[in-house]
Amino acid sequence: MAAIGSQAAMARLLGIAQPSVWKWLQAEKPLPAEHVLKVEEATGISRHDLRPDIYPRDRSADRALVQNGGGQA
């Protein structure tokens, strides 16, 4: 939420009412799936971080990077 600024700003971005955003936060619910890509575009926060249950990271690609030396400094 901090990346967007406020509940009202999030609501405007998504074209919904601010009380809907408040309800998600109060119930500690994840960002609804239909809004993930728009929030990613607006904030730069990866869909993998916003909803890892829907957009898991490809661990096989991560392993390949490490095996090929791409993950080392």
PDB file of N, CA and C in Angstrom:
ATOM      1  N   MET A   1       0.827  -1.192   0.000  1.00  0.00           N
ATOM      2  CA  MET A   1       0.000   0.000   0.000  1.00  0.00           C
ATOM      3  C   MET A   1       0.870   1.255   0.000  1.00  0.00           C
ATOM      4  N   ALA A   2       1.993   1.177   0.700  1.00  0.00           N
ATOM      5  CA  ALA A   2       2.854   2.353   0.810  1.00  0.00           C
ATOM      6  C   ALA A   2       3.351   2.816  -0.555  1.00  0.00           C
ATOM      7  N   ALA A   3       3.537   1.905  -1.477  1.00  0.00           N
ATOM      8  CA  ALA A   3       4.028   2.274  -2.809  1.00  0.00           C
ATOM      9  C   ALA A   3       3.021   3.118  -3.578  1.00  0.00           C
ATOM     10  N   ILE A   4       1.759   2.996  -3.218  1.00  0.00           N
ATOM     11  CA  ILE A   4       0.714   3.760  -3.904  1.00  0.00           C
ATOM     12  C   ILE A   4       0.381   5.034  -3.137  1.00  0.00           C
ATOM     13  N   GLY A   5       0.484   5.002  -1.827  1.00  0.00           N
ATOM     14  CA  GLY A   5       0.301   6.207  -1.039  1.00  0.00           C
ATOM     15  C   GLY A   5      -0.835   6.164  -0.044  1.00  0.00           C
ATOM     16  N   SER A   6      -1.977   5.658  -0.445  1.00  0.00           N
ATOM     17  CA  SER A   6      -3.113   5.631   0.467  1.00  0.00           C
ATOM     18  C   SER A   6      -4.162   4.655  -0.039  1.00  0.00           C
ATOM     19  N   GLN A   7      -5.093   4.362   0.824  1.00  0.00           N
ATOM     20  CA  GLN A   7      -6.219   3.523   0.413  1.00  0.00           C
ATOM     21  C   GLN A   7      -7.010   4.190  -0.705  1.00  0.00           C
ATOM     22  N   ALA A   8      -7.194   5.488  -0.604  1.00  0.00           N
ATOM     23  CA  ALA A   8      -7.945   6.223  -1.626  1.00  0.00           C
ATOM     24  C   ALA A   8      -7.226   6.175  -2.970  1.00  0.00           C
ATOM     25  N   ALA A   9      -5.901   6.307  -2.945  1.00  0.00           N
ATOM     26  CA  ALA A   9      -5.127   6.251  -4.189  1.00  0.00           C
ATOM     27  C   ALA A   9      -5.211   4.862  -4.810  1.00  0.00           C
ATOM     28  N   MET A  10      -5.149   3.835  -3.980  1.00  0.00           N
ATOM     29  CA  MET A  10      -5.285   2.457  -4.476  1.00  0.00           C
ATOM     30  C   MET A  10      -6.662   2.261  -5.106  1.00  0.00           C
ATOM     31  N   ALA A  11      -7.678   2.756  -4.438  1.00  0.00           N
ATOM     32  CA  ALA A  11      -9.042   2.628  -4.957  1.00  0.00           C
ATOM     33  C   ALA A  11      -9.188   3.330  -6.300  1.00  0.00           C
ATOM     34  N   ARG A  12      -8.636   4.529  -6.411  1.00  0.00           N
ATOM     35  CA  ARG A  12      -8.692   5.254  -7.691  1.00  0.00           C
ATOM     36  C   ARG A  12      -7.976   4.487  -8.790  1.00  0.00           C
ATOM     37  N   LEU A  13      -6.810   3.969  -8.484  1.00  0.00           N
ATOM     38  CA  LEU A  13      -6.032   3.196  -9.449  1.00  0.00           C
ATOM     39  C   LEU A  13      -6.840   2.017  -9.985  1.00  0.00           C
ATOM     40  N   LEU A  14      -7.546   1.347  -9.090  1.00  0.00           N
ATOM     41  CA  LEU A  14      -8.259   0.127  -9.455  1.00  0.00           C
ATOM     42  C   LEU A  14      -9.692   0.376  -9.905  1.00  0.00           C
ATOM     43  N   GLY A  15     -10.164   1.607  -9.762  1.00  0.00           N
ATOM     44  CA  GLY A  15     -11.531   1.927 -10.156  1.00  0.00           C
ATOM     45  C   GLY A  15     -12.577   1.308  -9.243  1.00  0.00           C
ATOM     46  N   ILE A  16     -12.233   1.261  -7.954  1.00  0.00           N
ATOM     47  CA  ILE A  16     -13.153   0.700  -6.965  1.00  0.00           C
ATOM     48  C   ILE A  16     -13.341   1.708  -5.837  1.00  0.00           C
ATOM     49  N   ALA A  17     -14.220   1.386  -4.912  1.00  0.00           N
ATOM     50  CA  ALA A  17     -14.474   2.263  -3.769  1.00  0.00           C
ATOM     51  C   ALA A  17     -13.418   2.043  -2.683  1.00  0.00           C
ATOM     52  N   GLN A  18     -13.039   3.116  -2.008  1.00  0.00           N
ATOM     53  CA  GLN A  18     -12.033   3.046  -0.944  1.00  0.00           C
ATOM     54  C   GLN A  18     -12.424   2.058   0.159  1.00  0.00           C
ATOM     55  N   PRO A  19     -13.701   1.959   0.551  1.00  0.00           N
ATOM     56  CA  PRO A  19     -14.035   0.972   1.586  1.00  0.00           C
ATOM     57  C   PRO A  19     -13.689  -0.470   1.200  1.00  0.00           C
ATOM     58  N   SER A  20     -13.638  -0.765  -0.086  1.00  0.00           N
ATOM     59  CA  SER A  20     -13.239  -2.113  -0.514  1.00  0.00           C
ATOM     60  C   SER A  20     -11.783  -2.371  -0.148  1.00  0.00           C
ATOM     61  N   VAL A  21     -10.936  -1.379  -0.356  1.00  0.00           N
ATOM     62  CA  VAL A  21      -9.524  -1.508   0.002  1.00  0.00           C
ATOM     63  C   VAL A  21      -9.403  -1.653   1.516  1.00  0.00           C
ATOM     64  N   TRP A  22     -10.137  -0.866   2.255  1.00  0.00           N
ATOM     65  CA  TRP A  22     -10.126  -0.932   3.716  1.00  0.00           C
ATOM     66  C   TRP A  22     -10.493  -2.338   4.183  1.00  0.00           C
ATOM     67  N   LYS A  23     -11.504  -2.931   3.568  1.00  0.00           N
ATOM     68  CA  LYS A  23     -11.938  -4.284   3.959  1.00  0.00           C
ATOM     69  C   LYS A  23     -10.833  -5.312   3.741  1.00  0.00           C
ATOM     70  N   TRP A  24     -10.093  -5.202   2.615  1.00  0.00           N
ATOM     71  CA  TRP A  24      -8.992  -6.146   2.377  1.00  0.00           C
ATOM     72  C   TRP A  24      -7.966  -6.035   3.495  1.00  0.00           C
ATOM     73  N   LEU A  25      -7.640  -4.793   3.845  1.00  0.00           N
ATOM     74  CA  LEU A  25      -6.614  -4.574   4.856  1.00  0.00           C
ATOM     75  C   LEU A  25      -7.070  -5.042   6.236  1.00  0.00           C
ATOM     76  N   GLN A  26      -8.299  -4.753   6.576  1.00  0.00           N
ATOM     77  CA  GLN A  26      -8.816  -5.151   7.887  1.00  0.00           C
ATOM     78  C   GLN A  26      -8.899  -6.662   8.023  1.00  0.00           C
ATOM     79  N   ALA A  27      -9.268  -7.338   6.968  1.00  0.00           N
ATOM     80  CA  ALA A  27      -9.393  -8.794   6.986  1.00  0.00           C
ATOM     81  C   ALA A  27      -8.063  -9.478   6.674  1.00  0.00           C
ATOM     82  N   GLU A  28      -7.024  -8.663   6.406  1.00  0.00           N
ATOM     83  CA  GLU A  28      -5.712  -9.175   6.028  1.00  0.00           C
ATOM     84  C   GLU A  28      -5.825 -10.132   4.843  1.00  0.00           C
ATOM     85  N   LYS A  29      -6.670  -9.756   3.897  1.00  0.00           N
ATOM     86  CA  LYS A  29      -6.848 -10.549   2.684  1.00  0.00           C
ATOM     87  C   LYS A  29      -5.800 -10.128   1.656  1.00  0.00           C
ATOM     88  N   PRO A  30      -5.409 -11.058   0.802  1.00  0.00           N
ATOM     89  CA  PRO A  30      -4.462 -10.685  -0.257  1.00  0.00           C
ATOM     90  C   PRO A  30      -5.148  -9.829  -1.313  1.00  0.00           C
ATOM     91  N   LEU A  31      -4.358  -9.135  -2.069  1.00  0.00           N
ATOM     92  CA  LEU A  31      -4.863  -8.343  -3.180  1.00  0.00           C
ATOM     93  C   LEU A  31      -5.655  -9.261  -4.108  1.00  0.00           C
ATOM     94  N   PRO A  32      -6.891  -8.919  -4.442  1.00  0.00           N
ATOM     95  CA  PRO A  32      -7.659  -9.773  -5.349  1.00  0.00           C
ATOM     96  C   PRO A  32      -6.929  -9.967  -6.681  1.00  0.00           C
ATOM     97  N   ALA A  33      -7.013 -11.177  -7.197  1.00  0.00           N
ATOM     98  CA  ALA A  33      -6.276 -11.571  -8.394  1.00  0.00           C
ATOM     99  C   ALA A  33      -6.513 -10.635  -9.568  1.00  0.00           C
ATOM    100  N   GLU A  34      -7.721 -10.142  -9.716  1.00  0.00           N
ATOM    101  CA  GLU A  34      -8.035  -9.306 -10.874  1.00  0.00           C
ATOM    102  C   GLU A  34      -7.320  -7.956 -10.855  1.00  0.00           C
ATOM    103  N   HIS A  35      -6.698  -7.600  -9.724  1.00  0.00           N
ATOM    104  CA  HIS A  35      -6.022  -6.310  -9.611  1.00  0.00           C
ATOM    105  C   HIS A  35      -4.496  -6.410  -9.609  1.00  0.00           C
ATOM    106  N   VAL A  36      -3.968  -7.601  -9.552  1.00  0.00           N
ATOM    107  CA  VAL A  36      -2.525  -7.788  -9.395  1.00  0.00           C
ATOM    108  C   VAL A  36      -1.715  -7.126 -10.512  1.00  0.00           C
ATOM    109  N   LEU A  37      -2.081  -7.363 -11.745  1.00  0.00           N
ATOM    110  CA  LEU A  37      -1.277  -6.839 -12.857  1.00  0.00           C
ATOM    111  C   LEU A  37      -1.311  -5.319 -12.929  1.00  0.00           C
ATOM    112  N   LYS A  38      -2.446  -4.729 -12.595  1.00  0.00           N
ATOM    113  CA  LYS A  38      -2.540  -3.265 -12.605  1.00  0.00           C
ATOM    114  C   LYS A  38      -1.671  -2.663 -11.507  1.00  0.00           C
ATOM    115  N   VAL A  39      -1.674  -3.273 -10.336  1.00  0.00           N
ATOM    116  CA  VAL A  39      -0.839  -2.781  -9.238  1.00  0.00           C
ATOM    117  C   VAL A  39       0.640  -2.969  -9.580  1.00  0.00           C
ATOM    118  N   GLU A  40       0.982  -4.092 -10.184  1.00  0.00           N
ATOM    119  CA  GLU A  40       2.363  -4.309 -10.599  1.00  0.00           C
ATOM    120  C   GLU A  40       2.810  -3.212 -11.568  1.00  0.00           C
ATOM    121  N   GLU A  41       1.968  -2.913 -12.540  1.00  0.00           N
ATOM    122  CA  GLU A  41       2.306  -1.882 -13.533  1.00  0.00           C
ATOM    123  C   GLU A  41       2.468  -0.509 -12.888  1.00  0.00           C
ATOM    124  N   ALA A  42       1.598  -0.179 -11.955  1.00  0.00           N
ATOM    125  CA  ALA A  42       1.617   1.150 -11.340  1.00  0.00           C
ATOM    126  C   ALA A  42       2.747   1.333 -10.331  1.00  0.00           C
ATOM    127  N   THR A  43       3.149   0.244  -9.667  1.00  0.00           N
ATOM    128  CA  THR A  43       4.110   0.374  -8.578  1.00  0.00           C
ATOM    129  C   THR A  43       5.482  -0.211  -8.873  1.00  0.00           C
ATOM    130  N   GLY A  44       5.539  -1.118  -9.830  1.00  0.00           N
ATOM    131  CA  GLY A  44       6.789  -1.816 -10.078  1.00  0.00           C
ATOM    132  C   GLY A  44       7.020  -2.980  -9.130  1.00  0.00           C
ATOM    133  N   ILE A  45       6.080  -3.232  -8.233  1.00  0.00           N
ATOM    134  CA  ILE A  45       6.181  -4.377  -7.331  1.00  0.00           C
ATOM    135  C   ILE A  45       5.787  -5.620  -8.119  1.00  0.00           C
ATOM    136  N   SER A  46       6.644  -6.601  -8.115  1.00  0.00           N
ATOM    137  CA  SER A  46       6.443  -7.801  -8.910  1.00  0.00           C
ATOM    138  C   SER A  46       5.178  -8.554  -8.518  1.00  0.00           C
ATOM    139  N   ARG A  47       4.515  -9.097  -9.531  1.00  0.00           N
ATOM    140  CA  ARG A  47       3.342  -9.953  -9.291  1.00  0.00           C
ATOM    141  C   ARG A  47       3.724 -11.132  -8.410  1.00  0.00           C
ATOM    142  N   HIS A  48       4.986 -11.571  -8.482  1.00  0.00           N
ATOM    143  CA  HIS A  48       5.460 -12.687  -7.671  1.00  0.00           C
ATOM    144  C   HIS A  48       5.475 -12.315  -6.189  1.00  0.00           C
ATOM    145  N   ASP A  49       5.717 -11.044  -5.908  1.00  0.00           N
ATOM    146  CA  ASP A  49       5.710 -10.577  -4.526  1.00  0.00           C
ATOM    147  C   ASP A  49       4.297 -10.234  -4.061  1.00  0.00           C
ATOM    148  N   LEU A  50       3.488  -9.724  -4.968  1.00  0.00           N
ATOM    149  CA  LEU A  50       2.115  -9.353  -4.611  1.00  0.00           C
ATOM    150  C   LEU A  50       1.257 -10.573  -4.309  1.00  0.00           C
ATOM    151  N   ARG A  51       1.365 -11.593  -5.142  1.00  0.00           N
ATOM    152  CA  ARG A  51       0.552 -12.805  -4.978  1.00  0.00           C
ATOM    153  C   ARG A  51       1.350 -14.043  -5.364  1.00  0.00           C
ATOM    154  N   PRO A  52       2.290 -14.457  -4.522  1.00  0.00           N
ATOM    155  CA  PRO A  52       3.101 -15.637  -4.856  1.00  0.00           C
ATOM    156  C   PRO A  52       2.276 -16.911  -4.980  1.00  0.00           C
ATOM    157  N   ASP A  53       1.082 -16.921  -4.401  1.00  0.00           N
ATOM    158  CA  ASP A  53       0.222 -18.101  -4.526  1.00  0.00           C
ATOM    159  C   ASP A  53      -0.318 -18.260  -5.943  1.00  0.00           C
ATOM    160  N   ILE A  54      -0.438 -17.155  -6.670  1.00  0.00           N
ATOM    161  CA  ILE A  54      -0.950 -17.177  -8.037  1.00  0.00           C
ATOM    162  C   ILE A  54       0.198 -17.128  -9.043  1.00  0.00           C
ATOM    163  N   TYR A  55       1.215 -16.339  -8.728  1.00  0.00           N
ATOM    164  CA  TYR A  55       2.360 -16.134  -9.623  1.00  0.00           C
ATOM    165  C   TYR A  55       3.646 -16.590  -8.940  1.00  0.00           C
ATOM    166  N   PRO A  56       3.830 -17.900  -8.780  1.00  0.00           N
ATOM    167  CA  PRO A  56       5.069 -18.356  -8.128  1.00  0.00           C
ATOM    168  C   PRO A  56       6.274 -18.078  -9.017  1.00  0.00           C
ATOM    169  N   ARG A  57       7.400 -17.892  -8.371  1.00  0.00           N
ATOM    170  CA  ARG A  57       8.641 -17.705  -9.126  1.00  0.00           C
ATOM    171  C   ARG A  57       9.039 -19.047  -9.744  1.00  0.00           C
ATOM    172  N   ASP A  58       9.672 -18.988 -10.885  1.00  0.00           N
ATOM    173  CA  ASP A  58      10.130 -20.186 -11.570  1.00  0.00           C
ATOM    174  C   ASP A  58      11.449 -20.614 -10.938  1.00  0.00           C
ATOM    175  N   ARG A  59      11.391 -21.523 -10.024  1.00  0.00           N
ATOM    176  CA  ARG A  59      12.581 -21.957  -9.285  1.00  0.00           C
ATOM    177  C   ARG A  59      13.569 -22.688 -10.175  1.00  0.00           C
ATOM    178  N   SER A  60      13.105 -23.324 -11.241  1.00  0.00           N
ATOM    179  CA  SER A  60      14.041 -24.011 -12.133  1.00  0.00           C
ATOM    180  C   SER A  60      14.944 -22.993 -12.825  1.00  0.00           C
ATOM    181  N   ALA A  61      14.418 -21.829 -13.162  1.00  0.00           N
ATOM    182  CA  ALA A  61      15.236 -20.777 -13.771  1.00  0.00           C
ATOM    183  C   ALA A  61      16.241 -20.241 -12.763  1.00  0.00           C
ATOM    184  N   ASP A  62      15.824 -20.110 -11.497  1.00  0.00           N
ATOM    185  CA  ASP A  62      16.738 -19.658 -10.454  1.00  0.00           C
ATOM    186  C   ASP A  62      17.884 -20.642 -10.277  1.00  0.00           C
ATOM    187  N   ARG A  63      17.579 -21.948 -10.273  1.00  0.00           N
ATOM    188  CA  ARG A  63      18.611 -22.963 -10.121  1.00  0.00           C
ATOM    189  C   ARG A  63      19.581 -22.936 -11.294  1.00  0.00           C
ATOM    190  N   ALA A  64      19.075 -22.737 -12.494  1.00  0.00           N
ATOM    191  CA  ALA A  64      19.933 -22.689 -13.678  1.00  0.00           C
ATOM    192  C   ALA A  64      20.904 -21.524 -13.597  1.00  0.00           C
ATOM    193  N   LEU A  65      20.436 -20.379 -13.087  1.00  0.00           N
ATOM    194  CA  LEU A  65      21.321 -19.219 -12.942  1.00  0.00           C
ATOM    195  C   LEU A  65      22.468 -19.531 -11.991  1.00  0.00           C
ATOM    196  N   VAL A  66      22.139 -20.131 -10.871  1.00  0.00           N
ATOM    197  CA  VAL A  66      23.158 -20.448  -9.870  1.00  0.00           C
ATOM    198  C   VAL A  66      24.134 -21.480 -10.430  1.00  0.00           C
ATOM    199  N   GLN A  67      23.618 -22.511 -11.098  1.00  0.00           N
ATOM    200  CA  GLN A  67      24.484 -23.557 -11.636  1.00  0.00           C
ATOM    201  C   GLN A  67      25.420 -23.012 -12.706  1.00  0.00           C
ATOM    202  N   ASN A  68      24.975 -21.987 -13.436  1.00  0.00           N
ATOM    203  CA  ASN A  68      25.791 -21.412 -14.494  1.00  0.00           C
ATOM    204  C   ASN A  68      26.625 -20.227 -14.012  1.00  0.00           C
ATOM    205  N   GLY A  69      26.624 -19.979 -12.725  1.00  0.00           N
ATOM    206  CA  GLY A  69      27.429 -18.907 -12.174  1.00  0.00           C
ATOM    207  C   GLY A  69      26.774 -17.542 -12.236  1.00  0.00           C
ATOM    208  N   GLY A  70      25.538 -17.457 -12.696  1.00  0.00           N
ATOM    209  CA  GLY A  70      24.848 -16.175 -12.819  1.00  0.00           C
ATOM    210  C   GLY A  70      24.392 -15.597 -11.503  1.00  0.00           C
ATOM    211  N   GLY A  71      24.320 -16.406 -10.463  1.00  0.00           N
ATOM    212  CA  GLY A  71      23.847 -15.916  -9.182  1.00  0.00           C
ATOM    213  C   GLY A  71      24.958 -15.552  -8.236  1.00  0.00           C
ATOM    214  N   GLN A  72      26.200 -15.583  -8.696  1.00  0.00           N
ATOM    215  CA  GLN A  72      27.328 -15.298  -7.815  1.00  0.00           C
ATOM    216  C   GLN A  72      27.873 -13.910  -8.078  1.00  0.00           C
ATOM    217  N   ALA A  73      28.360 -13.275  -7.014  1.00  0.00           N
ATOM    218  CA  ALA A  73      28.938 -11.931  -7.133  1.00  0.00           C
ATOM    219  C   ALA A  73      30.399 -11.997  -7.432  1.00  0.00           C
TER     220      ALA A  73
END
